[in-house]
Amino acid sequence: MLALNKIHHIAIICSDYEKSKHFYTHILGLTIIQEIYRKERDSFKLDLALNGDYVVELFSFPSPPQRPSRPESCGLRHLAFEVDSVVVCRDELIIEGINCETIRVDEFTGKRFFFIADPDDLPVEFYEK
């Protein structure tokens, strides 16, 4: 059996780098660890942290192909963040002009959650602690 410690990071390729950078840093509040422009690939790589832990690599590439994300297509289903209160989180996102789905309750855990979409329509979930 492999001895895995934790998920190290999630890599996301975006279609509009500045729009996605704003979303992940100003709307979700992830902090920038480093930003690199790779000239040979005409690509930015933005390393982002949550509470000091490295969690997301945001990439830009010229004309990336679109990947279907809904309804239930194969591949990454969604990115989920734990929050103390989904109500407070949802209210803050609405103030920022983000379209939020209604709050639902997980039938197995009894925990509340809801979804939004990032600038490339990647589903992002907020799940109550």
Foldseek 3Di string as FASTA:
>chain_A
DDDDDDDQEEEEEDADVVQLVCCVCVVVNWDWPDWDQDVVQRKIWTFTHDPPGTYYIYMYGPPDDADDQPDPDDDDNAAEDEDQDPVVSVVSNVVVVFDWDDWDADPVPRWIKTWTAGPSRGIYMYTHD
